């Protein structure tokens, strides 16, 4: 009975983490470029009462007896599928359609990566994030420019004093394994050994995504799927709690035997 209590407790902990993950997805359903997370689980070690293939009084056991000890969290992974695009009026609202990240220069000199294209321009003409961090790989724009045009291939041009100036092209980064990135919050990610080293390139070339001016990428969370998953997690939690109740009643019956 004690084994049942611990097995059911591990199941309740797993479903609680699943609900936490779902709740975070729902909370970020309107967060620009947010990528939904999914909790994955695996079974724990087994108690080997009788190994398959071990000898018995007659021959060999065809299956054996292996009793599971519960469930544990394997990973909580990000889903990097494209989110829907939403139109915007700002010249520096840019969505990435396909593979790629903008590169963000942090105050400590390190580089973070984001798909949040809600960008701005500072007083010197540098393009920065909402926190004011410079977007590296983005051409500098004259602060006096009256309008900015960004083509799907990342070519940036601006209108000033009756003339159009080509400022250069945007550079995007990508990773061999984006699921291996560290999630820093603030719509930013950092490189790890699991993600691999970043590669940089221009939009629309070598399988990099295109950019869309006057658009922002919405969260890729599907609210209906999250609600269904939450109901399933709640029911699984309830069933595990029932297992604990049943084991407790059986233990009480044993204790009350005379």
Protein backbone atom coordinates (compact mmCIF):
# COMPACT_ATOMS: atom_id res chain seq x y z
CA UNK A 1 0.00 0.00 0.00
CA UNK A 2 2.86 2.37 0.75
CA UNK A 3 4.07 1.91 -2.84
CA UNK A 4 0.64 2.98 -4.11
CA UNK A 5 0.78 6.17 -2.05
CA UNK A 6 4.15 7.22 -3.50
CA UNK A 7 3.20 6.27 -7.06
CA UNK A 8 -0.02 8.28 -6.88
CA UNK A 9 1.80 11.21 -5.26
CA UNK A 10 4.27 11.31 -8.17
CA UNK A 11 1.31 11.34 -10.56
CA UNK A 12 -0.26 14.28 -8.74
CA UNK A 13 3.04 16.21 -8.85
CA UNK A 14 3.35 15.54 -12.58
CA UNK A 15 -0.17 16.75 -13.31
CA UNK A 16 0.38 19.84 -11.13
CA UNK A 17 3.42 20.73 -13.25
CA UNK A 18 1.37 20.12 -16.39
CA UNK A 19 -1.32 22.50 -15.12
CA UNK A 20 1.36 25.08 -14.25
CA UNK A 21 2.67 24.86 -17.82
CA UNK A 22 -0.81 25.19 -19.30
CA UNK A 23 -1.60 28.14 -17.02
CA UNK A 24 1.54 29.95 -18.21
CA UNK A 25 0.54 29.34 -21.83
CA UNK A 26 -2.94 30.75 -21.22
CA UNK A 27 -1.50 33.74 -19.34
CA UNK A 28 0.68 34.54 -22.38
CA UNK A 29 -1.98 33.99 -25.03
CA UNK A 30 -1.70 37.68 -26.03
CA UNK A 31 2.07 38.01 -25.58
CA UNK A 32 3.83 39.01 -28.81
CA UNK A 33 5.76 36.09 -30.37
CA UNK A 34 5.24 33.86 -27.30
CA UNK A 35 5.86 30.17 -27.99
CA UNK A 36 3.73 27.66 -26.11
CA UNK A 37 5.30 25.09 -23.78
CA UNK A 38 4.42 21.41 -23.39
CA UNK A 39 5.30 19.21 -20.40
CA UNK A 40 6.54 15.70 -21.20
CA UNK A 41 6.78 12.83 -18.71
CA UNK A 42 8.45 9.46 -18.41
CA UNK A 43 7.99 6.47 -16.13
CA UNK A 44 10.39 6.03 -13.21
CA UNK A 45 12.53 3.03 -12.26
CA UNK A 46 10.88 -0.37 -11.91
CA UNK A 47 11.12 -2.74 -8.99
CA UNK A 48 12.26 -6.04 -10.47
CA UNK A 49 10.51 -8.79 -8.52
CA UNK A 50 11.25 -11.36 -11.23
CA UNK A 51 13.27 -10.59 -14.32
CA UNK A 52 11.88 -11.68 -17.72
CA UNK A 53 13.83 -14.72 -18.89
CA UNK A 54 14.90 -15.76 -15.40
CA UNK A 55 14.61 -19.45 -14.58
CA UNK A 56 11.59 -20.86 -12.77
CA UNK A 57 10.87 -24.30 -11.38
CA UNK A 58 9.90 -25.50 -14.87
CA UNK A 59 11.51 -23.26 -17.49
CA UNK A 60 12.08 -19.52 -18.03
CA UNK A 61 9.68 -16.71 -17.17
CA UNK A 62 8.27 -15.28 -20.42
CA UNK A 63 7.38 -11.87 -18.95
CA UNK A 64 8.57 -11.55 -15.38
CA UNK A 65 7.29 -9.16 -12.69
CA UNK A 66 8.36 -5.51 -12.87
CA UNK A 67 6.44 -3.00 -10.77
CA UNK A 68 6.58 0.68 -11.67
CA UNK A 69 7.36 3.35 -9.08
CA UNK A 70 5.64 6.34 -10.64
CA UNK A 71 6.15 9.15 -13.13
CA UNK A 72 8.61 12.03 -13.44
CA UNK A 73 9.03 15.11 -15.61
CA UNK A 74 11.17 14.53 -18.69
CA UNK A 75 11.19 17.94 -20.38
CA UNK A 76 9.12 21.09 -20.76
CA UNK A 77 9.73 22.00 -24.39
CA UNK A 78 8.84 25.04 -26.49
CA UNK A 79 6.77 24.81 -29.66
CA UNK A 80 8.42 27.07 -32.23
CA UNK A 81 5.66 26.85 -34.83
CA UNK A 82 4.75 30.10 -36.56
CA UNK A 83 2.22 32.25 -34.74
CA UNK A 84 -0.48 34.20 -36.59
CA UNK A 85 0.37 37.72 -37.78
CA UNK A 86 -1.46 40.83 -36.67
CA UNK A 87 -1.40 44.07 -38.65
CA UNK A 88 0.19 47.15 -37.10
CA UNK A 89 0.72 50.77 -38.14
CA UNK A 90 4.27 51.30 -36.87
CA UNK A 91 7.10 51.27 -39.44
CA UNK A 92 9.29 49.32 -37.01
CA UNK A 93 6.77 46.60 -36.18
CA UNK A 94 8.27 43.60 -37.99
CA UNK A 95 7.22 39.94 -37.95
CA UNK A 96 9.44 37.04 -38.99
CA UNK A 97 7.64 34.58 -41.28
CA UNK A 98 9.55 31.34 -40.92
CA UNK A 99 12.87 30.55 -39.26
CA UNK A 100 14.93 33.21 -37.53
CA UNK A 101 15.50 35.46 -34.52
CA UNK A 102 16.45 39.09 -34.05
CA UNK A 103 19.73 39.55 -32.16
CA UNK A 104 19.62 41.68 -28.99
CA UNK A 105 22.76 43.21 -27.47
CA UNK A 106 22.42 43.09 -23.67
CA UNK A 107 24.15 45.52 -21.27
CA UNK A 108 26.65 42.86 -20.13
CA UNK A 109 27.85 42.42 -23.71
CA UNK A 110 26.11 39.09 -24.31
CA UNK A 111 23.66 38.46 -27.12
CA UNK A 112 20.08 37.33 -26.63
CA UNK A 113 17.62 36.33 -29.33
CA UNK A 114 13.98 37.23 -29.83
CA UNK A 115 11.15 36.99 -32.34
CA UNK A 116 9.41 40.01 -30.83
CA UNK A 117 9.46 42.52 -33.68
CA UNK A 118 7.95 45.43 -31.76
CA UNK A 119 11.07 47.57 -32.34
CA UNK A 120 11.88 51.24 -31.85
CA UNK A 121 14.56 53.76 -32.85
CA UNK A 122 16.69 55.71 -30.37
CA UNK A 123 18.04 59.25 -30.74
CA UNK A 124 21.13 58.08 -32.63
CA UNK A 125 19.20 56.09 -35.26
CA UNK A 126 19.91 52.66 -33.78
CA UNK A 127 17.02 50.20 -33.77
CA UNK A 128 16.35 48.91 -30.26
CA UNK A 129 14.01 46.57 -28.38
CA UNK A 130 11.21 47.73 -26.10
CA UNK A 131 13.74 47.76 -23.21
CA UNK A 132 16.13 49.94 -25.21
CA UNK A 133 18.66 47.21 -26.08
CA UNK A 134 20.28 47.49 -29.51
CA UNK A 135 19.19 45.06 -32.23
CA UNK A 136 22.46 43.98 -33.82
CA UNK A 137 22.29 43.06 -37.49
CA UNK A 138 19.83 45.90 -38.11
CA UNK A 139 20.96 48.89 -40.23
CA UNK A 140 21.24 52.31 -38.60
CA UNK A 141 18.57 54.77 -39.76
CA UNK A 142 18.85 58.54 -39.91
CA UNK A 143 16.80 59.90 -36.95
CA UNK A 144 15.41 62.62 -39.25
CA UNK A 145 13.88 60.10 -41.67
CA UNK A 146 10.21 60.75 -42.36
CA UNK A 147 9.34 57.17 -43.32
CA UNK A 148 10.96 53.73 -43.24
CA UNK A 149 10.41 50.88 -45.68
CA UNK A 150 11.47 47.30 -45.01
CA UNK A 151 11.21 44.76 -47.84
CA UNK A 152 10.48 41.08 -47.27
CA UNK A 153 14.15 40.25 -47.91
CA UNK A 154 15.21 42.57 -45.07
CA UNK A 155 16.31 45.53 -47.18
CA UNK A 156 15.84 48.71 -45.15
CA UNK A 157 15.41 52.10 -46.81
CA UNK A 158 14.19 55.46 -45.54
CA UNK A 159 12.90 58.70 -47.01
CA UNK A 160 14.71 61.92 -46.13
CA UNK A 161 14.85 65.36 -47.80
CA UNK A 162 13.10 64.16 -50.94
CA UNK A 163 15.47 61.19 -51.47
CA UNK A 164 15.34 57.47 -50.66
CA UNK A 165 18.41 56.02 -48.95
CA UNK A 166 19.23 52.31 -48.80
CA UNK A 167 20.46 51.65 -45.24
CA UNK A 168 21.33 47.95 -45.69
CA UNK A 169 19.77 44.58 -44.86
CA UNK A 170 18.56 42.98 -41.67
CA UNK A 171 20.46 39.94 -40.44
CA UNK A 172 18.66 37.11 -38.67
CA UNK A 173 20.04 34.30 -36.50
CA UNK A 174 18.96 30.67 -36.27
CA UNK A 175 19.95 27.59 -34.26
CA UNK A 176 20.29 23.88 -35.09
CA UNK A 177 18.10 23.07 -32.06
CA UNK A 178 15.99 26.06 -30.92
CA UNK A 179 14.33 23.91 -28.22
CA UNK A 180 17.74 23.89 -26.49
CA UNK A 181 17.66 27.65 -25.89
CA UNK A 182 17.31 29.08 -22.40
CA UNK A 183 14.08 31.01 -21.91
CA UNK A 184 15.00 34.26 -20.17
CA UNK A 185 11.58 35.89 -20.11
CA UNK A 186 10.97 39.27 -21.74
CA UNK A 187 10.50 37.36 -25.04
CA UNK A 188 14.24 36.63 -25.10
CA UNK A 189 16.29 33.43 -25.42
CA UNK A 190 19.96 32.64 -24.82
CA UNK A 191 22.30 30.17 -26.48
CA UNK A 192 23.33 26.90 -24.79
CA UNK A 193 25.40 23.89 -25.78
CA UNK A 194 22.12 22.08 -26.47
CA UNK A 195 20.92 24.76 -28.91
CA UNK A 196 24.19 24.84 -30.84
CA UNK A 197 25.99 27.92 -32.10
CA UNK A 198 23.93 30.57 -33.91
CA UNK A 199 24.16 31.01 -37.67
CA UNK A 200 23.36 34.36 -39.24
CA UNK A 201 21.98 35.24 -42.64
CA UNK A 202 19.64 37.49 -44.58
CA UNK A 203 15.86 37.03 -44.67
CA UNK A 204 14.65 34.93 -47.57
CA UNK A 205 18.03 33.28 -48.19
CA UNK A 206 19.23 29.78 -47.26
CA UNK A 207 15.90 28.86 -45.64
CA UNK A 208 15.77 31.90 -43.37
CA UNK A 209 12.29 33.35 -42.92
CA UNK A 210 11.07 36.52 -44.58
CA UNK A 211 10.19 39.68 -42.66
CA UNK A 212 6.84 41.45 -42.83
CA UNK A 213 6.73 45.17 -42.05
CA UNK A 214 3.65 46.57 -40.26
CA UNK A 215 2.95 43.17 -38.68
CA UNK A 216 3.62 41.50 -35.32
CA UNK A 217 3.69 37.77 -34.64
CA UNK A 218 1.12 36.73 -32.07
CA UNK A 219 1.41 33.90 -29.59
CA UNK A 220 1.06 30.43 -31.14
CA UNK A 221 -0.99 29.21 -28.16
CA UNK A 222 -4.33 27.66 -29.17
CA UNK A 223 -6.63 28.51 -26.27
CA UNK A 224 -9.12 25.70 -26.98
CA UNK A 225 -6.36 23.07 -27.01
CA UNK A 226 -5.01 24.45 -23.72
CA UNK A 227 -8.44 24.29 -22.08
CA UNK A 228 -8.93 20.68 -23.20
CA UNK A 229 -5.45 19.80 -21.90
CA UNK A 230 -6.26 21.46 -18.57
CA UNK A 231 -9.44 19.40 -18.20
CA UNK A 232 -7.50 16.21 -18.97
CA UNK A 233 -4.82 17.15 -16.42
CA UNK A 234 -7.46 17.90 -13.80
CA UNK A 235 -9.12 14.50 -14.32
CA UNK A 236 -5.75 12.72 -14.12
CA UNK A 237 -5.00 14.60 -10.89
CA UNK A 238 -8.35 13.52 -9.46
CA UNK A 239 -7.75 9.86 -10.37
CA UNK A 240 -4.34 9.91 -8.68
CA UNK A 241 -5.91 11.43 -5.57
CA UNK A 242 -8.51 8.63 -5.66
CA UNK A 243 -5.64 6.12 -5.68
CA UNK A 244 -4.27 7.70 -2.52
CA UNK A 245 -7.71 7.59 -0.88
CA UNK A 246 -8.15 3.92 -1.82
CA UNK A 247 -4.71 2.97 -0.50
CA UNK A 248 -5.42 4.87 2.72
CA UNK A 249 -8.70 3.00 3.24
CA UNK A 250 -6.99 -0.34 2.63
CA UNK A 251 -4.25 0.53 5.13
CA UNK A 252 -6.89 1.54 7.69
CA UNK A 253 -8.65 -1.81 7.24
CA UNK A 254 -5.37 -3.62 7.82
CA UNK A 255 -4.61 -1.58 10.95
CA UNK A 256 -8.12 -2.29 12.31
CA UNK A 257 -7.78 -6.06 11.92
CA UNK A 258 -7.86 -7.88 15.24
